[in-house]
């Protein structure tokens, strides 16, 4: 039984029970007001990730030079169906791509880190942007002043070798980083 039928049945029962009391009133009209209330809490849903939870960049280096490739293919990912029922904040954080097996200090001329820029766009007028290896990331959180629904697009670009572009990357079967997008109710 749906909610409307239950309410209608309860209201009908109340009116039937009250009918004798109203009927006893002679020559006057009696009425009453019932207040109906409800609430909608402030909440956010970050959407459903489409395109897979892994972005595989493939071979990171130019095999003829040993230097980081400048043409890394980084497909976008989308959080579909995101919404907030009130003011909100979108934040993006990222960790650099780091070797998972070669964890010691790299030899001179080598690095075990790839930095990049992660962008979450489509939610706020200004995209949330986080650059790994940067001293600060003031644009990593952005506000939206109204309730909203939209898809959020995540992009990666501006890949740079940690320590300088002239360094080569240490061989490792797995470099791993992560991007976290958070959608939350604003204070």
N, C-alpha and C. Protein backbone atom coordinates (compact mmCIF):
# COMPACT_ATOMS: atom_id res chain seq x y z
N UNK A 1 0.86 -1.17 0.00
CA UNK A 1 0.00 0.00 0.00
C UNK A 1 0.90 1.23 0.00
N UNK A 2 0.66 2.18 -0.86
CA UNK A 2 1.55 3.34 -0.90
C UNK A 2 1.22 4.35 0.19
N UNK A 3 2.10 5.32 0.36
CA UNK A 3 1.97 6.30 1.45
C UNK A 3 0.69 7.12 1.34
N UNK A 4 0.27 7.43 0.11
CA UNK A 4 -0.92 8.25 -0.08
C UNK A 4 -2.18 7.51 0.38
N UNK A 5 -2.24 6.22 0.10
CA UNK A 5 -3.40 5.44 0.51
C UNK A 5 -3.47 5.35 2.04
N UNK A 6 -2.33 5.17 2.70
CA UNK A 6 -2.31 5.09 4.16
C UNK A 6 -2.79 6.41 4.75
N UNK A 7 -2.29 7.54 4.22
CA UNK A 7 -2.69 8.85 4.72
C UNK A 7 -4.19 9.06 4.49
N UNK A 8 -4.67 8.70 3.30
CA UNK A 8 -6.08 8.89 2.97
C UNK A 8 -6.94 8.04 3.91
N UNK A 9 -6.52 6.80 4.18
CA UNK A 9 -7.28 5.93 5.08
C UNK A 9 -7.28 6.49 6.49
N UNK A 10 -6.14 7.00 6.96
CA UNK A 10 -6.06 7.56 8.30
C UNK A 10 -6.92 8.83 8.41
N UNK A 11 -6.89 9.68 7.38
CA UNK A 11 -7.68 10.90 7.39
C UNK A 11 -9.18 10.56 7.37
N UNK A 12 -9.58 9.58 6.57
CA UNK A 12 -10.99 9.17 6.51
C UNK A 12 -11.44 8.63 7.85
N UNK A 13 -10.63 7.81 8.49
CA UNK A 13 -10.96 7.27 9.81
C UNK A 13 -11.12 8.40 10.81
N UNK A 14 -10.22 9.39 10.77
CA UNK A 14 -10.31 10.52 11.69
C UNK A 14 -11.60 11.30 11.48
N UNK A 15 -11.98 11.50 10.24
CA UNK A 15 -13.19 12.25 9.96
C UNK A 15 -14.43 11.47 10.40
N UNK A 16 -14.42 10.14 10.23
CA UNK A 16 -15.56 9.32 10.65
C UNK A 16 -15.69 9.36 12.17
N UNK A 17 -14.56 9.28 12.88
CA UNK A 17 -14.59 9.33 14.34
C UNK A 17 -15.07 10.69 14.82
N UNK A 18 -14.66 11.75 14.13
CA UNK A 18 -15.04 13.10 14.54
C UNK A 18 -16.46 13.46 14.10
N UNK A 19 -17.03 12.75 13.15
CA UNK A 19 -18.34 13.10 12.61
C UNK A 19 -19.42 13.19 13.67
N UNK A 20 -19.53 12.24 14.63
CA UNK A 20 -20.57 12.37 15.65
C UNK A 20 -20.40 13.65 16.49
N UNK A 21 -19.17 14.02 16.77
CA UNK A 21 -18.96 15.24 17.56
C UNK A 21 -19.38 16.46 16.77
N UNK A 22 -19.11 16.49 15.51
CA UNK A 22 -19.51 17.62 14.67
C UNK A 22 -21.02 17.62 14.51
N UNK A 23 -21.59 16.44 14.36
CA UNK A 23 -23.04 16.33 14.17
C UNK A 23 -23.80 16.82 15.39
N UNK A 24 -23.23 16.75 16.58
CA UNK A 24 -23.91 17.17 17.79
C UNK A 24 -24.03 18.68 17.88
N UNK A 25 -23.19 19.41 17.13
CA UNK A 25 -23.26 20.84 17.14
C UNK A 25 -24.48 21.26 16.34
N UNK A 26 -25.33 22.05 16.94
CA UNK A 26 -26.54 22.44 16.24
C UNK A 26 -26.48 23.90 15.83
N UNK A 27 -26.77 24.14 14.58
CA UNK A 27 -26.89 25.48 14.06
C UNK A 27 -25.59 26.24 13.87
N UNK A 28 -24.46 25.65 14.17
CA UNK A 28 -23.19 26.36 13.95
C UNK A 28 -22.29 25.50 13.07
N UNK A 29 -21.30 26.13 12.51
CA UNK A 29 -20.31 25.42 11.69
C UNK A 29 -19.02 25.33 12.47
N UNK A 30 -18.45 24.20 12.42
CA UNK A 30 -17.18 23.99 13.12
C UNK A 30 -16.14 23.51 12.11
N UNK A 31 -14.94 24.02 12.22
CA UNK A 31 -13.87 23.56 11.32
C UNK A 31 -12.56 23.55 12.09
N UNK A 32 -11.63 22.85 11.54
CA UNK A 32 -10.31 22.78 12.15
C UNK A 32 -9.25 22.71 11.05
N UNK A 33 -8.06 23.08 11.40
CA UNK A 33 -6.95 23.06 10.45
C UNK A 33 -5.91 22.06 10.92
N UNK A 34 -5.47 21.26 10.00
CA UNK A 34 -4.40 20.31 10.27
C UNK A 34 -3.16 20.79 9.52
N UNK A 35 -2.09 20.97 10.23
CA UNK A 35 -0.84 21.38 9.60
C UNK A 35 -0.09 20.14 9.12
N UNK A 36 0.39 20.20 7.92
CA UNK A 36 1.17 19.11 7.34
C UNK A 36 2.59 19.63 7.15
N UNK A 37 3.57 18.92 7.72
CA UNK A 37 4.97 19.37 7.62
C UNK A 37 5.85 18.23 7.15
N UNK A 38 7.02 18.57 6.76
CA UNK A 38 8.04 17.61 6.35
C UNK A 38 9.38 18.30 6.29
N UNK A 39 10.42 17.56 6.10
CA UNK A 39 11.75 18.15 6.00
C UNK A 39 12.51 17.54 4.83
N UNK A 40 13.46 18.27 4.32
CA UNK A 40 14.41 17.78 3.33
C UNK A 40 15.79 18.13 3.86
N UNK A 41 16.57 17.14 4.25
CA UNK A 41 17.90 17.44 4.78
C UNK A 41 18.85 17.89 3.68
N UNK A 42 19.86 18.62 4.06
CA UNK A 42 20.92 18.98 3.13
C UNK A 42 21.76 17.73 2.88
N UNK A 43 21.86 17.35 1.63
CA UNK A 43 22.66 16.18 1.32
C UNK A 43 23.26 16.29 -0.07
N UNK A 44 24.33 15.54 -0.28
CA UNK A 44 24.99 15.48 -1.58
C UNK A 44 25.23 14.04 -1.97
N UNK A 45 25.17 13.77 -3.25
CA UNK A 45 25.51 12.48 -3.83
C UNK A 45 26.53 12.76 -4.91
N UNK A 46 27.68 12.13 -4.81
CA UNK A 46 28.79 12.41 -5.73
C UNK A 46 28.66 11.81 -7.11
N UNK A 47 27.58 11.11 -7.39
CA UNK A 47 27.39 10.56 -8.72
C UNK A 47 27.94 9.14 -8.84
N UNK A 48 27.75 8.57 -10.01
CA UNK A 48 28.22 7.23 -10.32
C UNK A 48 29.36 7.34 -11.33
N UNK A 49 30.49 6.75 -11.01
CA UNK A 49 31.66 6.82 -11.88
C UNK A 49 31.44 6.01 -13.14
N UNK A 50 31.62 6.65 -14.29
CA UNK A 50 31.53 5.95 -15.57
C UNK A 50 32.90 5.95 -16.23
N UNK A 51 33.14 4.95 -17.03
CA UNK A 51 34.42 4.85 -17.73
C UNK A 51 35.45 4.01 -17.00
N UNK A 52 35.09 3.48 -15.83
CA UNK A 52 36.03 2.63 -15.08
C UNK A 52 36.75 3.39 -14.00
N UNK A 53 37.20 2.66 -12.99
CA UNK A 53 37.85 3.29 -11.84
C UNK A 53 39.36 3.37 -11.99
N UNK A 54 39.89 2.96 -13.12
CA UNK A 54 41.33 3.03 -13.35
C UNK A 54 41.61 3.79 -14.64
N UNK A 55 42.60 4.65 -14.59
CA UNK A 55 43.07 5.33 -15.79
C UNK A 55 44.47 4.78 -16.06
N UNK A 56 44.58 3.96 -17.08
CA UNK A 56 45.86 3.34 -17.43
C UNK A 56 46.56 4.21 -18.46
N UNK A 57 47.68 4.78 -18.06
CA UNK A 57 48.43 5.67 -18.95
C UNK A 57 49.39 4.90 -19.86
N UNK A 58 49.50 3.61 -19.65
CA UNK A 58 50.40 2.80 -20.48
C UNK A 58 51.86 3.05 -20.12
N UNK A 59 52.74 2.90 -21.09
CA UNK A 59 54.17 3.13 -20.89
C UNK A 59 54.39 4.63 -20.68
N UNK A 60 54.99 4.98 -19.56
CA UNK A 60 55.14 6.39 -19.20
C UNK A 60 56.29 7.10 -19.91
N UNK A 61 57.26 6.34 -20.38
CA UNK A 61 58.46 6.98 -20.94
C UNK A 61 58.54 6.82 -22.46
N UNK A 62 59.30 7.70 -23.05
CA UNK A 62 59.69 7.56 -24.45
C UNK A 62 60.84 6.56 -24.44
N UNK A 63 60.65 5.40 -25.04
CA UNK A 63 61.65 4.33 -24.94
C UNK A 63 62.95 4.65 -25.67
N UNK A 64 62.97 5.69 -26.48
CA UNK A 64 64.23 6.06 -27.15
C UNK A 64 65.06 7.03 -26.31
N UNK A 65 64.41 7.74 -25.35
CA UNK A 65 65.15 8.70 -24.52
C UNK A 65 65.14 8.35 -23.03
N UNK A 66 64.16 7.56 -22.60
CA UNK A 66 64.01 7.25 -21.19
C UNK A 66 63.33 8.36 -20.40
N UNK A 67 62.95 9.44 -21.08
CA UNK A 67 62.28 10.57 -20.42
C UNK A 67 60.76 10.39 -20.48
N UNK A 68 60.08 11.05 -19.57
CA UNK A 68 58.62 11.00 -19.51
C UNK A 68 58.04 11.44 -20.85
N UNK A 69 57.05 10.68 -21.33
CA UNK A 69 56.37 11.05 -22.58
C UNK A 69 55.59 12.34 -22.39
N UNK A 70 55.51 13.12 -23.43
CA UNK A 70 54.74 14.37 -23.39
C UNK A 70 53.34 14.18 -23.96
N UNK A 71 53.04 12.97 -24.43
CA UNK A 71 51.75 12.70 -25.07
C UNK A 71 50.97 11.61 -24.34
N UNK A 72 51.05 11.58 -23.02
CA UNK A 72 50.37 10.52 -22.27
C UNK A 72 48.86 10.59 -22.48
N UNK A 73 48.25 9.45 -22.83
CA UNK A 73 46.80 9.43 -23.05
C UNK A 73 46.06 9.29 -21.72
N UNK A 74 45.37 10.32 -21.34
CA UNK A 74 44.64 10.29 -20.07
C UNK A 74 43.16 10.51 -20.35
N UNK A 75 42.41 9.42 -20.55
CA UNK A 75 40.98 9.57 -20.82
C UNK A 75 40.24 10.16 -19.63
N UNK A 76 39.20 10.91 -19.92
CA UNK A 76 38.41 11.52 -18.85
C UNK A 76 37.54 10.45 -18.18
N UNK A 77 37.13 10.76 -16.97
CA UNK A 77 36.17 9.95 -16.24
C UNK A 77 35.04 10.90 -15.83
N UNK A 78 33.83 10.35 -15.71
CA UNK A 78 32.68 11.19 -15.38
C UNK A 78 31.92 10.61 -14.19
N UNK A 79 31.55 11.50 -13.28
CA UNK A 79 30.65 11.16 -12.19
C UNK A 79 29.26 11.62 -12.64
N UNK A 80 28.42 10.68 -13.05
CA UNK A 80 27.10 11.04 -13.58
C UNK A 80 26.05 11.08 -12.47
N UNK A 81 25.13 12.01 -12.60
CA UNK A 81 24.00 12.11 -11.67
C UNK A 81 24.34 12.71 -10.32
N UNK A 82 25.41 13.48 -10.23
CA UNK A 82 25.76 14.12 -8.96
C UNK A 82 24.72 15.20 -8.62
N UNK A 83 24.45 15.35 -7.31
CA UNK A 83 23.54 16.43 -6.89
C UNK A 83 23.79 16.81 -5.44
N UNK A 84 23.42 18.02 -5.10
CA UNK A 84 23.37 18.51 -3.72
C UNK A 84 22.07 19.28 -3.56
N UNK A 85 21.41 19.09 -2.42
CA UNK A 85 20.12 19.73 -2.19
C UNK A 85 20.26 21.12 -1.56
N UNK A 86 21.50 21.58 -1.39
CA UNK A 86 21.74 22.91 -0.81
C UNK A 86 23.11 23.41 -1.28
N UNK A 87 23.58 24.49 -0.69
CA UNK A 87 24.92 25.00 -0.99
C UNK A 87 25.92 23.87 -0.85
N UNK A 88 26.99 23.88 -1.67
CA UNK A 88 27.92 22.77 -1.65
C UNK A 88 29.35 23.21 -1.95
N UNK A 89 30.26 22.28 -1.67
CA UNK A 89 31.68 22.46 -1.96
C UNK A 89 32.16 21.23 -2.72
N UNK A 90 32.86 21.46 -3.82
CA UNK A 90 33.52 20.36 -4.52
C UNK A 90 35.01 20.51 -4.28
N UNK A 91 35.66 19.40 -3.96
CA UNK A 91 37.10 19.40 -3.72
C UNK A 91 37.73 18.26 -4.50
N UNK A 92 38.93 18.50 -4.97
CA UNK A 92 39.69 17.46 -5.64
C UNK A 92 41.07 17.38 -4.99
N UNK A 93 41.53 16.17 -4.75
CA UNK A 93 42.86 15.91 -4.21
C UNK A 93 43.48 14.82 -5.06
N UNK A 94 44.80 14.83 -5.15
CA UNK A 94 45.48 13.81 -5.94
C UNK A 94 46.83 13.49 -5.31
N UNK A 95 47.29 12.28 -5.56
CA UNK A 95 48.63 11.88 -5.14
C UNK A 95 49.44 11.61 -6.40
N UNK A 96 50.73 11.91 -6.37
CA UNK A 96 51.55 11.68 -7.57
C UNK A 96 51.65 10.20 -7.91
N UNK A 97 51.98 9.92 -9.14
CA UNK A 97 52.29 8.56 -9.55
C UNK A 97 53.66 8.21 -8.96
N UNK A 98 53.70 7.18 -8.13
CA UNK A 98 54.95 6.76 -7.48
C UNK A 98 55.22 5.30 -7.80
N UNK A 99 56.50 4.94 -7.86
CA UNK A 99 56.85 3.53 -8.05
C UNK A 99 56.33 2.74 -6.87
N UNK A 100 55.86 1.53 -7.12
CA UNK A 100 55.32 0.69 -6.06
C UNK A 100 56.32 -0.37 -5.59
N UNK A 101 57.31 -0.68 -6.42
CA UNK A 101 58.30 -1.69 -6.06
C UNK A 101 59.67 -1.08 -5.79
N UNK A 102 60.10 -0.16 -6.64
CA UNK A 102 61.38 0.51 -6.46
C UNK A 102 61.17 1.70 -5.52
N UNK A 103 61.18 1.42 -4.22
CA UNK A 103 60.79 2.45 -3.25
C UNK A 103 61.97 3.18 -2.62
N UNK A 104 63.18 2.75 -2.91
CA UNK A 104 64.35 3.41 -2.34
C UNK A 104 64.64 4.73 -3.05
N UNK A 105 65.65 5.42 -2.56
CA UNK A 105 66.07 6.67 -3.18
C UNK A 105 66.61 6.37 -4.58
N UNK A 106 66.11 7.06 -5.58
CA UNK A 106 66.58 6.79 -6.95
C UNK A 106 68.03 7.27 -7.14
N UNK A 107 68.76 6.62 -8.03
CA UNK A 107 70.13 7.07 -8.30
C UNK A 107 70.13 8.45 -8.97
N UNK A 108 71.28 9.08 -9.00
CA UNK A 108 71.42 10.40 -9.63
C UNK A 108 70.92 10.33 -11.07
N UNK A 109 70.17 11.34 -11.47
CA UNK A 109 69.65 11.42 -12.83
C UNK A 109 68.31 10.72 -13.03
N UNK A 110 67.78 10.12 -11.95
CA UNK A 110 66.51 9.39 -12.05
C UNK A 110 65.51 9.90 -11.01
N UNK A 111 64.25 9.58 -11.29
CA UNK A 111 63.15 9.93 -10.39
C UNK A 111 62.20 8.75 -10.30
N UNK A 112 61.47 8.69 -9.22
CA UNK A 112 60.43 7.66 -9.07
C UNK A 112 59.04 8.30 -8.92
N UNK A 113 58.92 9.56 -9.38
CA UNK A 113 57.69 10.33 -9.21
C UNK A 113 57.26 11.01 -10.50
N UNK A 114 55.97 10.93 -10.79
CA UNK A 114 55.37 11.69 -11.89
C UNK A 114 54.26 12.54 -11.28
N UNK A 115 54.38 13.85 -11.42
CA UNK A 115 53.35 14.78 -10.96
C UNK A 115 52.40 15.11 -12.11
N UNK A 116 51.21 15.56 -11.76
CA UNK A 116 50.21 15.89 -12.77
C UNK A 116 49.16 16.81 -12.16
N UNK A 117 48.30 17.33 -13.04
CA UNK A 117 47.19 18.18 -12.61
C UNK A 117 45.88 17.39 -12.77
N UNK A 118 45.05 17.39 -11.71
CA UNK A 118 43.73 16.76 -11.74
C UNK A 118 42.68 17.86 -11.66
N UNK A 119 41.70 17.81 -12.55
CA UNK A 119 40.66 18.83 -12.61
C UNK A 119 39.29 18.17 -12.52
N UNK A 120 38.42 18.74 -11.68
CA UNK A 120 37.02 18.32 -11.59
C UNK A 120 36.18 19.50 -12.07
N UNK A 121 35.50 19.32 -13.20
CA UNK A 121 34.74 20.43 -13.79
C UNK A 121 33.29 20.06 -14.00
N UNK A 122 32.46 21.09 -14.16
CA UNK A 122 31.04 20.89 -14.42
C UNK A 122 30.17 21.15 -13.21
N UNK A 123 30.76 21.36 -12.05
CA UNK A 123 29.96 21.58 -10.84
C UNK A 123 29.89 23.06 -10.48
N UNK A 124 31.03 23.67 -10.32
CA UNK A 124 31.08 25.07 -9.90
C UNK A 124 31.50 25.93 -11.09
N UNK A 125 31.23 27.24 -11.01
CA UNK A 125 31.63 28.11 -12.12
C UNK A 125 33.12 28.01 -12.45
N UNK A 126 33.94 27.79 -11.43
CA UNK A 126 35.37 27.60 -11.61
C UNK A 126 35.70 26.15 -11.26
N UNK A 127 36.43 25.47 -12.12
CA UNK A 127 36.78 24.07 -11.87
C UNK A 127 37.67 23.94 -10.63
N UNK A 128 37.53 22.81 -9.94
CA UNK A 128 38.42 22.49 -8.82
C UNK A 128 39.67 21.84 -9.42
N UNK A 129 40.85 22.36 -9.04
CA UNK A 129 42.10 21.90 -9.64
C UNK A 129 43.12 21.61 -8.56
N UNK A 130 43.79 20.46 -8.68
CA UNK A 130 44.84 20.06 -7.74
C UNK A 130 46.04 19.60 -8.55
N UNK A 131 47.22 20.14 -8.24
CA UNK A 131 48.45 19.74 -8.91
C UNK A 131 49.36 19.06 -7.90
N UNK A 132 49.69 17.79 -8.16
CA UNK A 132 50.59 17.08 -7.25
C UNK A 132 51.97 17.71 -7.35
N UNK A 133 52.68 17.75 -6.25
CA UNK A 133 54.01 18.35 -6.23
C UNK A 133 54.01 19.86 -6.07
N UNK A 134 52.84 20.50 -6.12
CA UNK A 134 52.76 21.95 -5.95
C UNK A 134 52.85 22.29 -4.46
N UNK A 135 53.42 23.45 -4.18
CA UNK A 135 53.55 23.89 -2.79
C UNK A 135 52.18 24.11 -2.14
N UNK A 136 51.20 24.58 -2.92
CA UNK A 136 49.84 24.77 -2.41
C UNK A 136 48.86 24.58 -3.57
N UNK A 137 47.62 24.35 -3.22
CA UNK A 137 46.57 24.14 -4.21
C UNK A 137 45.32 24.93 -3.83
N UNK A 138 45.38 26.27 -3.94
CA UNK A 138 44.26 27.10 -3.49
C UNK A 138 42.98 26.90 -4.30
N UNK A 139 43.06 26.36 -5.52
CA UNK A 139 41.87 26.16 -6.34
C UNK A 139 41.29 24.75 -6.20
N UNK A 140 41.78 23.97 -5.24
CA UNK A 140 41.34 22.58 -5.09
C UNK A 140 39.90 22.46 -4.59
N UNK A 141 39.37 23.49 -3.94
CA UNK A 141 37.98 23.48 -3.46
C UNK A 141 37.25 24.68 -4.04
N UNK A 142 36.04 24.42 -4.52
CA UNK A 142 35.21 25.47 -5.11
C UNK A 142 33.80 25.37 -4.54
N UNK A 143 33.15 26.52 -4.37
CA UNK A 143 31.81 26.58 -3.79
C UNK A 143 30.73 26.74 -4.86
N UNK A 144 29.57 26.22 -4.55
CA UNK A 144 28.36 26.44 -5.35
C UNK A 144 27.30 26.93 -4.37
N UNK A 145 26.69 28.08 -4.65
CA UNK A 145 25.79 28.73 -3.70
C UNK A 145 24.35 28.23 -3.72
N UNK A 146 24.00 27.35 -4.64
CA UNK A 146 22.62 26.88 -4.75
C UNK A 146 22.58 25.35 -4.85
N UNK A 147 21.41 24.80 -4.65
CA UNK A 147 21.22 23.37 -4.93
C UNK A 147 21.52 23.17 -6.42
N UNK A 148 22.00 21.97 -6.77
CA UNK A 148 22.44 21.77 -8.14
C UNK A 148 22.51 20.29 -8.46
N UNK A 149 22.37 19.97 -9.74
CA UNK A 149 22.62 18.62 -10.23
C UNK A 149 23.35 18.71 -11.55
N UNK A 150 24.35 17.85 -11.72
CA UNK A 150 25.15 17.89 -12.94
C UNK A 150 26.08 16.69 -12.96
N UNK A 151 26.68 16.45 -14.11
CA UNK A 151 27.76 15.48 -14.20
C UNK A 151 29.07 16.21 -13.90
N UNK A 152 30.01 15.49 -13.30
CA UNK A 152 31.33 16.06 -12.98
C UNK A 152 32.35 15.32 -13.82
N UNK A 153 33.15 16.07 -14.57
CA UNK A 153 34.17 15.48 -15.44
C UNK A 153 35.54 15.59 -14.77
N UNK A 154 36.25 14.47 -14.74
CA UNK A 154 37.59 14.43 -14.14
C UNK A 154 38.61 14.27 -15.27
N UNK A 155 39.56 15.20 -15.32
CA UNK A 155 40.61 15.14 -16.33
C UNK A 155 41.98 15.20 -15.67
N UNK A 156 42.95 14.57 -16.31
CA UNK A 156 44.35 14.60 -15.87
C UNK A 156 45.19 15.13 -17.02
N UNK A 157 46.15 16.00 -16.69
CA UNK A 157 47.07 16.52 -17.71
C UNK A 157 48.29 17.13 -17.03
N UNK A 158 49.14 17.76 -17.81
CA UNK A 158 50.33 18.46 -17.34
C UNK A 158 51.26 17.51 -16.54
N UNK A 159 51.55 16.35 -17.11
CA UNK A 159 52.42 15.37 -16.47
C UNK A 159 53.87 15.85 -16.49
N UNK A 160 54.53 15.81 -15.32
CA UNK A 160 55.91 16.25 -15.20
C UNK A 160 56.68 15.30 -14.29
N UNK A 161 57.93 15.04 -14.65
CA UNK A 161 58.78 14.19 -13.81
C UNK A 161 59.12 14.93 -12.53
N UNK A 162 58.90 14.27 -11.38
CA UNK A 162 59.26 14.87 -10.10
C UNK A 162 60.77 15.08 -10.02
N UNK A 163 61.18 16.27 -9.67
CA UNK A 163 62.61 16.59 -9.59
C UNK A 163 63.16 17.28 -10.82
N UNK A 164 62.40 17.30 -11.90
CA UNK A 164 62.84 18.01 -13.09
C UNK A 164 62.65 17.20 -14.36
N UNK A 165 62.40 17.90 -15.45
CA UNK A 165 62.10 17.24 -16.73
C UNK A 165 63.30 16.52 -17.32
N UNK A 166 64.50 16.82 -16.87
CA UNK A 166 65.70 16.16 -17.40
C UNK A 166 65.99 14.82 -16.75
N UNK A 167 65.20 14.46 -15.73
CA UNK A 167 65.42 13.18 -15.06
C UNK A 167 64.67 12.06 -15.77
N UNK A 168 65.25 10.87 -15.73
CA UNK A 168 64.60 9.69 -16.28
C UNK A 168 63.86 8.97 -15.15
N UNK A 169 62.87 8.18 -15.53
CA UNK A 169 62.10 7.44 -14.53
C UNK A 169 62.74 6.08 -14.26
N UNK A 170 62.76 5.69 -12.99
CA UNK A 170 63.24 4.38 -12.57
C UNK A 170 62.28 3.32 -13.11
N UNK A 171 62.82 2.21 -13.58
CA UNK A 171 61.99 1.11 -14.06
C UNK A 171 61.17 0.53 -12.92
N UNK A 172 59.87 0.36 -13.17
CA UNK A 172 58.98 -0.26 -12.20
C UNK A 172 57.73 -0.72 -12.94
N UNK A 173 57.23 -1.93 -12.66
CA UNK A 173 56.04 -2.40 -13.37
C UNK A 173 54.75 -1.67 -12.95
N UNK A 174 54.82 -0.89 -11.88
CA UNK A 174 53.62 -0.19 -11.46
C UNK A 174 53.94 1.15 -10.80
N UNK A 175 53.55 2.22 -11.48
CA UNK A 175 53.51 3.55 -10.89
C UNK A 175 52.04 3.78 -10.54
N UNK A 176 51.76 4.26 -9.33
CA UNK A 176 50.36 4.41 -8.93
C UNK A 176 50.15 5.75 -8.23
N UNK A 177 49.04 6.40 -8.56
CA UNK A 177 48.58 7.60 -7.89
C UNK A 177 47.07 7.50 -7.74
N UNK A 178 46.46 8.53 -7.22
CA UNK A 178 45.00 8.49 -7.03
C UNK A 178 44.43 9.91 -7.08
N UNK A 179 43.19 9.98 -7.51
CA UNK A 179 42.45 11.24 -7.52
C UNK A 179 41.17 11.02 -6.72
N UNK A 180 40.89 11.92 -5.79
CA UNK A 180 39.68 11.84 -4.99
C UNK A 180 38.87 13.12 -5.19
N UNK A 181 37.62 12.96 -5.60
CA UNK A 181 36.70 14.09 -5.74
C UNK A 181 35.67 13.97 -4.62
N UNK A 182 35.50 15.06 -3.87
CA UNK A 182 34.55 15.06 -2.75
C UNK A 182 33.52 16.15 -2.97
N UNK A 183 32.26 15.79 -2.84
CA UNK A 183 31.16 16.73 -2.94
C UNK A 183 30.49 16.76 -1.58
N UNK A 184 30.40 17.93 -0.96
CA UNK A 184 29.85 18.00 0.39
C UNK A 184 28.97 19.25 0.57
N UNK A 185 28.10 19.17 1.55
CA UNK A 185 27.24 20.29 1.91
C UNK A 185 28.11 21.39 2.51
N UNK A 186 27.90 22.63 2.07
CA UNK A 186 28.66 23.77 2.59
C UNK A 186 28.07 24.21 3.92
N UNK A 187 28.91 24.74 4.78
CA UNK A 187 28.44 25.26 6.08
C UNK A 187 27.61 26.51 5.89
